[in-house]
Amino acid sequence: MGRRKIEMKMVKDSNSRQKSHELATLCSPQISIVIFSPGGKPVSFGHPSVESFYTFCRPDPTLEKLNNQLSELQRQVQFEKKKEQMLQTVMEANGTRSPKFLDEMSVDKLLKFKKAMEQLREKI
């Protein structure tokens, strides 16, 4: 499939032209085309204008800020998961297991849990 010349023709059926026009009006497409002449000079066309198309495609600073916040939150979640793994390791080493509710633990177990938490804090 090499280059081939495609002949552009006007759509003769007025009904098809009308539908195309309605579709373009309803969707309000934005388009920008830059071509280079054989002499190397750029020629541009944009609807509604090249500048408005550029503004439309330019990155949104608010979106970029939100993406940065998301990345930071994901890093924090990973950090907390590592802390959780370390806590599990300390608790297993001390012979305790992760309680679903601290209220269900006895005083002795709560004291062991507190000591394990303090040891974990020292490691972090």
PDB file of N, CA and C in Angstrom:
ATOM      1  N   MET A   1       0.819  -1.168   0.000  1.00  0.00           N
ATOM      2  CA  MET A   1       0.000   0.000   0.000  1.00  0.00           C
ATOM      3  C   MET A   1       0.872   1.244   0.000  1.00  0.00           C
ATOM      4  N   GLY A   2       1.125   1.759  -1.074  1.00  0.00           N
ATOM      5  CA  GLY A   2       1.921   2.969  -1.157  1.00  0.00           C
ATOM      6  C   GLY A   2       1.044   4.199  -1.155  1.00  0.00           C
ATOM      7  N   ARG A   3       1.665   5.291  -1.485  1.00  0.00           N
ATOM      8  CA  ARG A   3       0.888   6.518  -1.592  1.00  0.00           C
ATOM      9  C   ARG A   3      -0.006   6.458  -2.811  1.00  0.00           C
ATOM     10  N   ARG A   4      -1.153   6.983  -2.649  1.00  0.00           N
ATOM     11  CA  ARG A   4      -2.034   7.076  -3.805  1.00  0.00           C
ATOM     12  C   ARG A   4      -2.843   8.348  -3.683  1.00  0.00           C
ATOM     13  N   LYS A   5      -3.198   8.865  -4.778  1.00  0.00           N
ATOM     14  CA  LYS A   5      -3.943  10.103  -4.813  1.00  0.00           C
ATOM     15  C   LYS A   5      -5.423   9.792  -4.611  1.00  0.00           C
ATOM     16  N   ILE A   6      -6.013  10.508  -3.691  1.00  0.00           N
ATOM     17  CA  ILE A   6      -7.445  10.343  -3.424  1.00  0.00           C
ATOM     18  C   ILE A   6      -8.150  11.589  -3.920  1.00  0.00           C
ATOM     19  N   GLU A   7      -9.080  11.359  -4.791  1.00  0.00           N
ATOM     20  CA  GLU A   7      -9.813  12.480  -5.360  1.00  0.00           C
ATOM     21  C   GLU A   7     -10.904  12.905  -4.393  1.00  0.00           C
ATOM     22  N   MET A   8     -10.951  14.183  -4.107  1.00  0.00           N
ATOM     23  CA  MET A   8     -11.992  14.715  -3.231  1.00  0.00           C
ATOM     24  C   MET A   8     -13.143  15.219  -4.081  1.00  0.00           C
ATOM     25  N   LYS A   9     -14.330  14.788  -3.723  1.00  0.00           N
ATOM     26  CA  LYS A   9     -15.517  15.184  -4.466  1.00  0.00           C
ATOM     27  C   LYS A   9     -16.544  15.730  -3.497  1.00  0.00           C
ATOM     28  N   MET A  10     -17.333  16.644  -3.979  1.00  0.00           N
ATOM     29  CA  MET A  10     -18.429  17.158  -3.182  1.00  0.00           C
ATOM     30  C   MET A  10     -19.535  16.109  -3.119  1.00  0.00           C
ATOM     31  N   VAL A  11     -20.128  15.971  -1.933  1.00  0.00           N
ATOM     32  CA  VAL A  11     -21.241  15.039  -1.782  1.00  0.00           C
ATOM     33  C   VAL A  11     -22.425  15.622  -2.530  1.00  0.00           C
ATOM     34  N   LYS A  12     -22.920  14.873  -3.510  1.00  0.00           N
ATOM     35  CA  LYS A  12     -23.976  15.393  -4.369  1.00  0.00           C
ATOM     36  C   LYS A  12     -25.345  15.325  -3.726  1.00  0.00           C
ATOM     37  N   ASP A  13     -25.559  14.336  -2.884  1.00  0.00           N
ATOM     38  CA  ASP A  13     -26.870  14.166  -2.242  1.00  0.00           C
ATOM     39  C   ASP A  13     -27.038  15.233  -1.152  1.00  0.00           C
ATOM     40  N   SER A  14     -27.975  16.132  -1.345  1.00  0.00           N
ATOM     41  CA  SER A  14     -28.162  17.241  -0.397  1.00  0.00           C
ATOM     42  C   SER A  14     -28.631  16.746   0.967  1.00  0.00           C
ATOM     43  N   ASN A  15     -29.349  15.633   0.998  1.00  0.00           N
ATOM     44  CA  ASN A  15     -29.799  15.067   2.267  1.00  0.00           C
ATOM     45  C   ASN A  15     -28.595  14.610   3.104  1.00  0.00           C
ATOM     46  N   SER A  16     -27.620  13.976   2.469  1.00  0.00           N
ATOM     47  CA  SER A  16     -26.405  13.530   3.162  1.00  0.00           C
ATOM     48  C   SER A  16     -25.609  14.724   3.662  1.00  0.00           C
ATOM     49  N   ARG A  17     -25.536  15.783   2.824  1.00  0.00           N
ATOM     50  CA  ARG A  17     -24.827  16.996   3.246  1.00  0.00           C
ATOM     51  C   ARG A  17     -25.504  17.616   4.461  1.00  0.00           C
ATOM     52  N   GLN A  18     -26.837  17.639   4.454  1.00  0.00           N
ATOM     53  CA  GLN A  18     -27.584  18.221   5.561  1.00  0.00           C
ATOM     54  C   GLN A  18     -27.327  17.431   6.842  1.00  0.00           C
ATOM     55  N   LYS A  19     -27.342  16.097   6.746  1.00  0.00           N
ATOM     56  CA  LYS A  19     -27.099  15.255   7.916  1.00  0.00           C
ATOM     57  C   LYS A  19     -25.687  15.480   8.447  1.00  0.00           C
ATOM     58  N   SER A  20     -24.706  15.601   7.554  1.00  0.00           N
ATOM     59  CA  SER A  20     -23.331  15.857   7.972  1.00  0.00           C
ATOM     60  C   SER A  20     -23.231  17.192   8.687  1.00  0.00           C
ATOM     61  N   HIS A  21     -23.906  18.189   8.159  1.00  0.00           N
ATOM     62  CA  HIS A  21     -23.906  19.508   8.774  1.00  0.00           C
ATOM     63  C   HIS A  21     -24.550  19.461  10.165  1.00  0.00           C
ATOM     64  N   GLU A  22     -25.675  18.754  10.277  1.00  0.00           N
ATOM     65  CA  GLU A  22     -26.352  18.631  11.570  1.00  0.00           C
ATOM     66  C   GLU A  22     -25.465  17.917  12.581  1.00  0.00           C
ATOM     67  N   LEU A  23     -24.796  16.864  12.150  1.00  0.00           N
ATOM     68  CA  LEU A  23     -23.903  16.116  13.029  1.00  0.00           C
ATOM     69  C   LEU A  23     -22.759  17.005  13.522  1.00  0.00           C
ATOM     70  N   ALA A  24     -22.186  17.768  12.609  1.00  0.00           N
ATOM     71  CA  ALA A  24     -21.100  18.668  12.986  1.00  0.00           C
ATOM     72  C   ALA A  24     -21.590  19.744  13.945  1.00  0.00           C
ATOM     73  N   THR A  25     -22.811  20.213  13.751  1.00  0.00           N
ATOM     74  CA  THR A  25     -23.364  21.241  14.629  1.00  0.00           C
ATOM     75  C   THR A  25     -23.651  20.666  16.010  1.00  0.00           C
ATOM     76  N   LEU A  26     -24.221  19.474  16.062  1.00  0.00           N
ATOM     77  CA  LEU A  26     -24.562  18.850  17.333  1.00  0.00           C
ATOM     78  C   LEU A  26     -23.327  18.479  18.146  1.00  0.00           C
ATOM     79  N   CYS A  27     -22.309  17.992  17.491  1.00  0.00           N
ATOM     80  CA  CYS A  27     -21.116  17.511  18.187  1.00  0.00           C
ATOM     81  C   CYS A  27     -20.093  18.609  18.437  1.00  0.00           C
ATOM     82  N   SER A  28     -20.207  19.704  17.744  1.00  0.00           N
ATOM     83  CA  SER A  28     -19.264  20.830  17.774  1.00  0.00           C
ATOM     84  C   SER A  28     -17.812  20.347  17.790  1.00  0.00           C
ATOM     85  N   PRO A  29     -17.415  19.686  16.716  1.00  0.00           N
ATOM     86  CA  PRO A  29     -16.055  19.154  16.677  1.00  0.00           C
ATOM     87  C   PRO A  29     -15.019  20.269  16.632  1.00  0.00           C
ATOM     88  N   GLN A  30     -13.865  19.982  17.208  1.00  0.00           N
ATOM     89  CA  GLN A  30     -12.741  20.894  17.136  1.00  0.00           C
ATOM     90  C   GLN A  30     -11.631  20.165  16.392  1.00  0.00           C
ATOM     91  N   ILE A  31     -11.068  20.833  15.411  1.00  0.00           N
ATOM     92  CA  ILE A  31     -10.062  20.202  14.579  1.00  0.00           C
ATOM     93  C   ILE A  31      -8.990  21.222  14.223  1.00  0.00           C
ATOM     94  N   SER A  32      -7.801  20.746  14.076  1.00  0.00           N
ATOM     95  CA  SER A  32      -6.699  21.603  13.645  1.00  0.00           C
ATOM     96  C   SER A  32      -5.817  20.767  12.727  1.00  0.00           C
ATOM     97  N   ILE A  33      -5.437  21.370  11.622  1.00  0.00           N
ATOM     98  CA  ILE A  33      -4.596  20.681  10.638  1.00  0.00           C
ATOM     99  C   ILE A  33      -3.419  21.587  10.308  1.00  0.00           C
ATOM    100  N   VAL A  34      -2.238  21.022  10.318  1.00  0.00           N
ATOM    101  CA  VAL A  34      -1.045  21.747   9.880  1.00  0.00           C
ATOM    102  C   VAL A  34      -0.423  20.923   8.766  1.00  0.00           C
ATOM    103  N   ILE A  35      -0.237  21.547   7.624  1.00  0.00           N
ATOM    104  CA  ILE A  35       0.412  20.868   6.501  1.00  0.00           C
ATOM    105  C   ILE A  35       1.584  21.738   6.054  1.00  0.00           C
ATOM    106  N   PHE A  36       2.497  21.132   5.348  1.00  0.00           N
ATOM    107  CA  PHE A  36       3.647  21.856   4.844  1.00  0.00           C
ATOM    108  C   PHE A  36       3.608  21.868   3.326  1.00  0.00           C
ATOM    109  N   SER A  37       3.820  23.021   2.772  1.00  0.00           N
ATOM    110  CA  SER A  37       3.830  23.172   1.323  1.00  0.00           C
ATOM    111  C   SER A  37       5.115  22.545   0.785  1.00  0.00           C
ATOM    112  N   PRO A  38       5.176  22.312  -0.540  1.00  0.00           N
ATOM    113  CA  PRO A  38       6.407  21.760  -1.111  1.00  0.00           C
ATOM    114  C   PRO A  38       7.632  22.633  -0.805  1.00  0.00           C
ATOM    115  N   GLY A  39       7.421  23.908  -0.584  1.00  0.00           N
ATOM    116  CA  GLY A  39       8.530  24.806  -0.243  1.00  0.00           C
ATOM    117  C   GLY A  39       8.904  24.749   1.228  1.00  0.00           C
ATOM    118  N   GLY A  40       8.164  23.971   2.036  1.00  0.00           N
ATOM    119  CA  GLY A  40       8.467  23.811   3.450  1.00  0.00           C
ATOM    120  C   GLY A  40       7.773  24.793   4.363  1.00  0.00           C
ATOM    121  N   LYS A  41       6.865  25.581   3.835  1.00  0.00           N
ATOM    122  CA  LYS A  41       6.156  26.558   4.659  1.00  0.00           C
ATOM    123  C   LYS A  41       4.921  25.900   5.282  1.00  0.00           C
ATOM    124  N   PRO A  42       4.716  26.110   6.585  1.00  0.00           N
ATOM    125  CA  PRO A  42       3.538  25.523   7.228  1.00  0.00           C
ATOM    126  C   PRO A  42       2.276  26.304   6.898  1.00  0.00           C
ATOM    127  N   VAL A  43       1.218  25.563   6.684  1.00  0.00           N
ATOM    128  CA  VAL A  43      -0.099  26.147   6.452  1.00  0.00           C
ATOM    129  C   VAL A  43      -1.028  25.472   7.453  1.00  0.00           C
ATOM    130  N   SER A  44      -1.803  26.268   8.196  1.00  0.00           N
ATOM    131  CA  SER A  44      -2.662  25.678   9.226  1.00  0.00           C
ATOM    132  C   SER A  44      -4.119  26.045   8.995  1.00  0.00           C
ATOM    133  N   PHE A  45      -4.973  25.165   9.473  1.00  0.00           N
ATOM    134  CA  PHE A  45      -6.418  25.391   9.439  1.00  0.00           C
ATOM    135  C   PHE A  45      -6.971  24.841  10.749  1.00  0.00           C
ATOM    136  N   GLY A  46      -7.884  25.554  11.343  1.00  0.00           N
ATOM    137  CA  GLY A  46      -8.510  25.075  12.560  1.00  0.00           C
ATOM    138  C   GLY A  46      -9.949  25.501  12.622  1.00  0.00           C
ATOM    139  N   HIS A  47     -10.772  24.658  13.214  1.00  0.00           N
ATOM    140  CA  HIS A  47     -12.162  25.017  13.412  1.00  0.00           C
ATOM    141  C   HIS A  47     -12.484  24.876  14.879  1.00  0.00           C
ATOM    142  N   PRO A  48     -12.901  25.837  15.579  1.00  0.00           N
ATOM    143  CA  PRO A  48     -13.196  27.185  15.135  1.00  0.00           C
ATOM    144  C   PRO A  48     -11.940  28.000  14.834  1.00  0.00           C
ATOM    145  N   SER A  49     -10.810  27.708  15.489  1.00  0.00           N
ATOM    146  CA  SER A  49      -9.543  28.348  15.131  1.00  0.00           C
ATOM    147  C   SER A  49      -8.415  27.458  15.649  1.00  0.00           C
ATOM    148  N   VAL A  50      -7.219  27.672  15.131  1.00  0.00           N
ATOM    149  CA  VAL A  50      -6.079  26.876  15.583  1.00  0.00           C
ATOM    150  C   VAL A  50      -5.813  27.161  17.057  1.00  0.00           C
ATOM    151  N   GLU A  51      -5.929  28.417  17.473  1.00  0.00           N
ATOM    152  CA  GLU A  51      -5.670  28.790  18.859  1.00  0.00           C
ATOM    153  C   GLU A  51      -6.668  28.130  19.823  1.00  0.00           C
ATOM    154  N   SER A  52      -7.933  28.101  19.439  1.00  0.00           N
ATOM    155  CA  SER A  52      -8.925  27.492  20.326  1.00  0.00           C
ATOM    156  C   SER A  52      -8.699  25.982  20.436  1.00  0.00           C
ATOM    157  N   PHE A  53      -8.243  25.374  19.353  1.00  0.00           N
ATOM    158  CA  PHE A  53      -7.944  23.946  19.396  1.00  0.00           C
ATOM    159  C   PHE A  53      -6.760  23.689  20.320  1.00  0.00           C
ATOM    160  N   TYR A  54      -5.735  24.548  20.237  1.00  0.00           N
ATOM    161  CA  TYR A  54      -4.567  24.406  21.102  1.00  0.00           C
ATOM    162  C   TYR A  54      -4.980  24.548  22.565  1.00  0.00           C
ATOM    163  N   THR A  55      -5.832  25.521  22.860  1.00  0.00           N
ATOM    164  CA  THR A  55      -6.302  25.739  24.224  1.00  0.00           C
ATOM    165  C   THR A  55      -7.075  24.519  24.716  1.00  0.00           C
ATOM    166  N   PHE A  56      -7.845  23.920  23.824  1.00  0.00           N
ATOM    167  CA  PHE A  56      -8.628  22.736  24.170  1.00  0.00           C
ATOM    168  C   PHE A  56      -7.718  21.550  24.501  1.00  0.00           C
ATOM    169  N   CYS A  57      -6.620  21.393  23.773  1.00  0.00           N
ATOM    170  CA  CYS A  57      -5.734  20.242  23.940  1.00  0.00           C
ATOM    171  C   CYS A  57      -4.663  20.444  25.010  1.00  0.00           C
ATOM    172  N   ARG A  58      -4.456  21.675  25.438  1.00  0.00           N
ATOM    173  CA  ARG A  58      -3.419  21.951  26.424  1.00  0.00           C
ATOM    174  C   ARG A  58      -3.776  21.270  27.739  1.00  0.00           C
ATOM    175  N   PRO A  59      -2.770  20.732  28.440  1.00  0.00           N
ATOM    176  CA  PRO A  59      -3.056  20.075  29.719  1.00  0.00           C
ATOM    177  C   PRO A  59      -3.684  21.036  30.721  1.00  0.00           C
ATOM    178  N   ASP A  60      -4.656  20.554  31.435  1.00  0.00           N
ATOM    179  CA  ASP A  60      -5.361  21.346  32.441  1.00  0.00           C
ATOM    180  C   ASP A  60      -4.537  21.364  33.730  1.00  0.00           C
ATOM    181  N   PRO A  61      -4.159  22.548  34.224  1.00  0.00           N
ATOM    182  CA  PRO A  61      -3.347  22.604  35.443  1.00  0.00           C
ATOM    183  C   PRO A  61      -4.044  21.994  36.652  1.00  0.00           C
ATOM    184  N   THR A  62      -5.368  22.100  36.719  1.00  0.00           N
ATOM    185  CA  THR A  62      -6.103  21.501  37.830  1.00  0.00           C
ATOM    186  C   THR A  62      -5.998  19.983  37.781  1.00  0.00           C
ATOM    187  N   LEU A  63      -6.114  19.429  36.587  1.00  0.00           N
ATOM    188  CA  LEU A  63      -5.999  17.984  36.425  1.00  0.00           C
ATOM    189  C   LEU A  63      -4.597  17.513  36.790  1.00  0.00           C
ATOM    190  N   GLU A  64      -3.597  18.273  36.400  1.00  0.00           N
ATOM    191  CA  GLU A  64      -2.213  17.916  36.732  1.00  0.00           C
ATOM    192  C   GLU A  64      -2.013  17.938  38.249  1.00  0.00           C
ATOM    193  N   LYS A  65      -2.586  18.930  38.918  1.00  0.00           N
ATOM    194  CA  LYS A  65      -2.491  19.024  40.373  1.00  0.00           C
ATOM    195  C   LYS A  65      -3.164  17.822  41.034  1.00  0.00           C
ATOM    196  N   LEU A  66      -4.338  17.447  40.533  1.00  0.00           N
ATOM    197  CA  LEU A  66      -5.046  16.286  41.087  1.00  0.00           C
ATOM    198  C   LEU A  66      -4.255  15.000  40.864  1.00  0.00           C
ATOM    199  N   ASN A  67      -3.612  14.875  39.703  1.00  0.00           N
ATOM    200  CA  ASN A  67      -2.789  13.696  39.441  1.00  0.00           C
ATOM    201  C   ASN A  67      -1.610  13.621  40.406  1.00  0.00           C
ATOM    202  N   ASN A  68      -1.011  14.771  40.715  1.00  0.00           N
ATOM    203  CA  ASN A  68       0.092  14.805  41.678  1.00  0.00           C
ATOM    204  C   ASN A  68      -0.390  14.400  43.064  1.00  0.00           C
ATOM    205  N   GLN A  69      -1.576  14.884  43.448  1.00  0.00           N
ATOM    206  CA  GLN A  69      -2.138  14.507  44.744  1.00  0.00           C
ATOM    207  C   GLN A  69      -2.430  13.013  44.799  1.00  0.00           C
ATOM    208  N   LEU A  70      -2.943  12.474  43.704  1.00  0.00           N
ATOM    209  CA  LEU A  70      -3.218  11.040  43.641  1.00  0.00           C
ATOM    210  C   LEU A  70      -1.936  10.237  43.802  1.00  0.00           C
ATOM    211  N   SER A  71      -0.881  10.660  43.125  1.00  0.00           N
ATOM    212  CA  SER A  71       0.404   9.959  43.236  1.00  0.00           C
ATOM    213  C   SER A  71       0.916   9.988  44.670  1.00  0.00           C
ATOM    214  N   GLU A  72       0.802  11.131  45.318  1.00  0.00           N
ATOM    215  CA  GLU A  72       1.251  11.248  46.708  1.00  0.00           C
ATOM    216  C   GLU A  72       0.432  10.347  47.621  1.00  0.00           C
ATOM    217  N   LEU A  73      -0.879  10.305  47.423  1.00  0.00           N
ATOM    218  CA  LEU A  73      -1.735   9.428  48.231  1.00  0.00           C
ATOM    219  C   LEU A  73      -1.398   7.959  48.005  1.00  0.00           C
ATOM    220  N   GLN A  74      -1.082   7.595  46.760  1.00  0.00           N
ATOM    221  CA  GLN A  74      -0.706   6.213  46.478  1.00  0.00           C
ATOM    222  C   GLN A  74       0.601   5.856  47.178  1.00  0.00           C
ATOM    223  N   ARG A  75       1.553   6.811  47.221  1.00  0.00           N
ATOM    224  CA  ARG A  75       2.810   6.565  47.943  1.00  0.00           C
ATOM    225  C   ARG A  75       2.534   6.378  49.441  1.00  0.00           C
ATOM    226  N   GLN A  76       1.632   7.185  49.984  1.00  0.00           N
ATOM    227  CA  GLN A  76       1.297   7.060  51.397  1.00  0.00           C
ATOM    228  C   GLN A  76       0.636   5.723  51.701  1.00  0.00           C
ATOM    229  N   VAL A  77      -0.225   5.271  50.812  1.00  0.00           N
ATOM    230  CA  VAL A  77      -0.879   3.972  50.997  1.00  0.00           C
ATOM    231  C   VAL A  77       0.159   2.860  51.000  1.00  0.00           C
ATOM    232  N   GLN A  78       1.123   2.920  50.072  1.00  0.00           N
ATOM    233  CA  GLN A  78       2.179   1.910  50.039  1.00  0.00           C
ATOM    234  C   GLN A  78       2.988   1.927  51.337  1.00  0.00           C
ATOM    235  N   PHE A  79       3.283   3.120  51.841  1.00  0.00           N
ATOM    236  CA  PHE A  79       4.028   3.245  53.095  1.00  0.00           C
ATOM    237  C   PHE A  79       3.240   2.616  54.240  1.00  0.00           C
ATOM    238  N   GLU A  80       1.941   2.889  54.298  1.00  0.00           N
ATOM    239  CA  GLU A  80       1.107   2.321  55.358  1.00  0.00           C
ATOM    240  C   GLU A  80       1.009   0.804  55.245  1.00  0.00           C
ATOM    241  N   LYS A  81       0.991   0.284  54.024  1.00  0.00           N
ATOM    242  CA  LYS A  81       0.962  -1.169  53.849  1.00  0.00           C
ATOM    243  C   LYS A  81       2.252  -1.802  54.362  1.00  0.00           C
ATOM    244  N   LYS A  82       3.381  -1.133  54.134  1.00  0.00           N
ATOM    245  CA  LYS A  82       4.663  -1.643  54.655  1.00  0.00           C
ATOM    246  C   LYS A  82       4.661  -1.621  56.181  1.00  0.00           C
ATOM    247  N   LYS A  83       4.096  -0.545  56.766  1.00  0.00           N
ATOM    248  CA  LYS A  83       4.000  -0.478  58.220  1.00  0.00           C
ATOM    249  C   LYS A  83       3.128  -1.616  58.759  1.00  0.00           C
ATOM    250  N   GLU A  84       2.050  -1.895  58.040  1.00  0.00           N
ATOM    251  CA  GLU A  84       1.158  -2.974  58.463  1.00  0.00           C
ATOM    252  C   GLU A  84       1.880  -4.319  58.431  1.00  0.00           C
ATOM    253  N   GLN A  85       2.668  -4.546  57.382  1.00  0.00           N
ATOM    254  CA  GLN A  85       3.433  -5.798  57.294  1.00  0.00           C
ATOM    255  C   GLN A  85       4.430  -5.912  58.443  1.00  0.00           C
ATOM    256  N   MET A  86       5.093  -4.805  58.776  1.00  0.00           N
ATOM    257  CA  MET A  86       6.040  -4.831  59.886  1.00  0.00           C
ATOM    258  C   MET A  86       5.319  -5.115  61.201  1.00  0.00           C
ATOM    259  N   LEU A  87       4.151  -4.523  61.376  1.00  0.00           N
ATOM    260  CA  LEU A  87       3.369  -4.758  62.580  1.00  0.00           C
ATOM    261  C   LEU A  87       2.971  -6.221  62.693  1.00  0.00           C
ATOM    262  N   GLN A  88       2.546  -6.798  61.600  1.00  0.00           N
ATOM    263  CA  GLN A  88       2.181  -8.212  61.594  1.00  0.00           C
ATOM    264  C   GLN A  88       3.374  -9.080  61.986  1.00  0.00           C
ATOM    265  N   THR A  89       4.556  -8.733  61.467  1.00  0.00           N
ATOM    266  CA  THR A  89       5.764  -9.496  61.783  1.00  0.00           C
ATOM    267  C   THR A  89       6.086  -9.408  63.273  1.00  0.00           C
ATOM    268  N   VAL A  90       5.993  -8.208  63.836  1.00  0.00           N
ATOM    269  CA  VAL A  90       6.274  -8.019  65.258  1.00  0.00           C
ATOM    270  C   VAL A  90       5.253  -8.763  66.104  1.00  0.00           C
ATOM    271  N   MET A  91       4.009  -8.678  65.711  1.00  0.00           N
ATOM    272  CA  MET A  91       2.963  -9.354  66.477  1.00  0.00           C
ATOM    273  C   MET A  91       3.134 -10.861  66.436  1.00  0.00           C
ATOM    274  N   GLU A  92       3.510 -11.410  65.283  1.00  0.00           N
ATOM    275  CA  GLU A  92       3.742 -12.853  65.188  1.00  0.00           C
ATOM    276  C   GLU A  92       4.943 -13.263  66.027  1.00  0.00           C
ATOM    277  N   ALA A  93       5.988 -12.424  66.036  1.00  0.00           N
ATOM    278  CA  ALA A  93       7.176 -12.725  66.824  1.00  0.00           C
ATOM    279  C   ALA A  93       6.860 -12.722  68.317  1.00  0.00           C
ATOM    280  N   ASN A  94       5.922 -11.890  68.759  1.00  0.00           N
ATOM    281  CA  ASN A  94       5.549 -11.815  70.172  1.00  0.00           C
ATOM    282  C   ASN A  94       4.429 -12.785  70.533  1.00  0.00           C
ATOM    283  N   GLY A  95       3.972 -13.550  69.574  1.00  0.00           N
ATOM    284  CA  GLY A  95       2.942 -14.534  69.847  1.00  0.00           C
ATOM    285  C   GLY A  95       1.538 -13.973  69.910  1.00  0.00           C
ATOM    286  N   THR A  96       1.347 -12.790  69.378  1.00  0.00           N
ATOM    287  CA  THR A  96      -0.005 -12.224  69.346  1.00  0.00           C
ATOM    288  C   THR A  96      -0.497 -12.245  67.915  1.00  0.00           C
ATOM    289  N   ARG A  97      -1.779 -12.176  67.776  1.00  0.00           N
ATOM    290  CA  ARG A  97      -2.331 -12.102  66.429  1.00  0.00           C
ATOM    291  C   ARG A  97      -3.160 -10.836  66.317  1.00  0.00           C
ATOM    292  N   SER A  98      -3.447 -10.439  65.130  1.00  0.00           N
ATOM    293  CA  SER A  98      -4.155  -9.191  64.894  1.00  0.00           C
ATOM    294  C   SER A  98      -5.609  -9.319  65.325  1.00  0.00           C
ATOM    295  N   PRO A  99      -6.015  -8.551  66.321  1.00  0.00           N
ATOM    296  CA  PRO A  99      -7.411  -8.640  66.769  1.00  0.00           C
ATOM    297  C   PRO A  99      -8.336  -7.851  65.852  1.00  0.00           C
ATOM    298  N   LYS A 100      -9.554  -8.323  65.763  1.00  0.00           N
ATOM    299  CA  LYS A 100     -10.530  -7.573  64.978  1.00  0.00           C
ATOM    300  C   LYS A 100     -11.014  -6.384  65.792  1.00  0.00           C
ATOM    301  N   PHE A 101     -11.138  -6.570  67.091  1.00  0.00           N
ATOM    302  CA  PHE A 101     -11.582  -5.500  67.973  1.00  0.00           C
ATOM    303  C   PHE A 101     -10.710  -5.497  69.219  1.00  0.00           C
ATOM    304  N   LEU A 102     -10.144  -4.353  69.531  1.00  0.00           N
ATOM    305  CA  LEU A 102      -9.297  -4.254  70.713  1.00  0.00           C
ATOM    306  C   LEU A 102     -10.095  -4.466  71.994  1.00  0.00           C
ATOM    307  N   ASP A 103     -11.377  -4.189  71.939  1.00  0.00           N
ATOM    308  CA  ASP A 103     -12.227  -4.361  73.123  1.00  0.00           C
ATOM    309  C   ASP A 103     -12.292  -5.820  73.570  1.00  0.00           C
ATOM    310  N   GLU A 104     -12.070  -6.756  72.671  1.00  0.00           N
ATOM    311  CA  GLU A 104     -12.171  -8.168  72.995  1.00  0.00           C
ATOM    312  C   GLU A 104     -10.909  -8.705  73.658  1.00  0.00           C
ATOM    313  N   MET A 105      -9.821  -7.916  73.681  1.00  0.00           N
ATOM    314  CA  MET A 105      -8.548  -8.392  74.219  1.00  0.00           C
ATOM    315  C   MET A 105      -8.515  -8.236  75.742  1.00  0.00           C
ATOM    316  N   SER A 106      -7.795  -9.145  76.379  1.00  0.00           N
ATOM    317  CA  SER A 106      -7.609  -9.035  77.822  1.00  0.00           C
ATOM    318  C   SER A 106      -6.553  -7.977  78.107  1.00  0.00           C
ATOM    319  N   VAL A 107      -6.423  -7.610  79.369  1.00  0.00           N
ATOM    320  CA  VAL A 107      -5.473  -6.574  79.761  1.00  0.00           C
ATOM    321  C   VAL A 107      -4.049  -7.014  79.439  1.00  0.00           C
ATOM    322  N   ASP A 108      -3.736  -8.278  79.706  1.00  0.00           N
ATOM    323  CA  ASP A 108      -2.384  -8.782  79.422  1.00  0.00           C
ATOM    324  C   ASP A 108      -2.074  -8.698  77.934  1.00  0.00           C
ATOM    325  N   LYS A 109      -3.020  -9.084  77.111  1.00  0.00           N
ATOM    326  CA  LYS A 109      -2.813  -9.036  75.663  1.00  0.00           C
ATOM    327  C   LYS A 109      -2.692  -7.595  75.166  1.00  0.00           C
ATOM    328  N   LEU A 110      -3.486  -6.704  75.778  1.00  0.00           N
ATOM    329  CA  LEU A 110      -3.387  -5.295  75.404  1.00  0.00           C
ATOM    330  C   LEU A 110      -2.010  -4.729  75.745  1.00  0.00           C
ATOM    331  N   LEU A 111      -1.475  -5.136  76.893  1.00  0.00           N
ATOM    332  CA  LEU A 111      -0.135  -4.672  77.277  1.00  0.00           C
ATOM    333  C   LEU A 111       0.927  -5.213  76.312  1.00  0.00           C
ATOM    334  N   LYS A 112       0.788  -6.469  75.904  1.00  0.00           N
ATOM    335  CA  LYS A 112       1.716  -7.043  74.923  1.00  0.00           C
ATOM    336  C   LYS A 112       1.603  -6.305  73.589  1.00  0.00           C
ATOM    337  N   PHE A 113       0.373  -6.012  73.223  1.00  0.00           N
ATOM    338  CA  PHE A 113       0.132  -5.289  71.970  1.00  0.00           C
ATOM    339  C   PHE A 113       0.756  -3.895  72.028  1.00  0.00           C
ATOM    340  N   LYS A 114       0.604  -3.232  73.174  1.00  0.00           N
ATOM    341  CA  LYS A 114       1.189  -1.900  73.342  1.00  0.00           C
ATOM    342  C   LYS A 114       2.708  -1.971  73.224  1.00  0.00           C
ATOM    343  N   LYS A 115       3.301  -2.968  73.867  1.00  0.00           N
ATOM    344  CA  LYS A 115       4.759  -3.125  73.800  1.00  0.00           C
ATOM    345  C   LYS A 115       5.206  -3.382  72.367  1.00  0.00           C
ATOM    346  N   ALA A 116       4.471  -4.198  71.625  1.00  0.00           N
ATOM    347  CA  ALA A 116       4.812  -4.476  70.225  1.00  0.00           C
ATOM    348  C   ALA A 116       4.700  -3.214  69.382  1.00  0.00           C
ATOM    349  N   MET A 117       3.698  -2.394  69.657  1.00  0.00           N
ATOM    350  CA  MET A 117       3.538  -1.154  68.932  1.00  0.00           C
ATOM    351  C   MET A 117       4.690  -0.189  69.224  1.00  0.00           C
ATOM    352  N   GLU A 118       5.103  -0.134  70.487  1.00  0.00           N
ATOM    353  CA  GLU A 118       6.228   0.735  70.834  1.00  0.00           C
ATOM    354  C   GLU A 118       7.519   0.277  70.156  1.00  0.00           C
ATOM    355  N   GLN A 119       7.730  -1.036  70.097  1.00  0.00           N
ATOM    356  CA  GLN A 119       8.909  -1.571  69.425  1.00  0.00           C
ATOM    357  C   GLN A 119       8.861  -1.243  67.937  1.00  0.00           C
ATOM    358  N   LEU A 120       7.690  -1.333  67.370  1.00  0.00           N
ATOM    359  CA  LEU A 120       7.530  -0.994  65.956  1.00  0.00           C
ATOM    360  C   LEU A 120       7.832   0.479  65.709  1.00  0.00           C
ATOM    361  N   ARG A 121       7.351   1.337  66.601  1.00  0.00           N
ATOM    362  CA  ARG A 121       7.610   2.774  66.466  1.00  0.00           C
ATOM    363  C   ARG A 121       9.109   3.051  66.496  1.00  0.00           C
ATOM    364  N   GLU A 122       9.838   2.343  67.346  1.00  0.00           N
ATOM    365  CA  GLU A 122      11.296   2.529  67.428  1.00  0.00           C
ATOM    366  C   GLU A 122      11.981   2.117  66.123  1.00  0.00           C
ATOM    367  N   LYS A 123      11.471   1.098  65.476  1.00  0.00           N
ATOM    368  CA  LYS A 123      12.071   0.625  64.221  1.00  0.00           C
ATOM    369  C   LYS A 123      11.805   1.586  63.063  1.00  0.00           C
ATOM    370  N   ILE A 124      10.677   2.274  63.147  1.00  0.00           N
ATOM    371  CA  ILE A 124      10.328   3.218  62.081  1.00  0.00           C
ATOM    372  C   ILE A 124      10.991   4.511  62.357  1.00  0.00           C
TER     373      ILE A 124
END
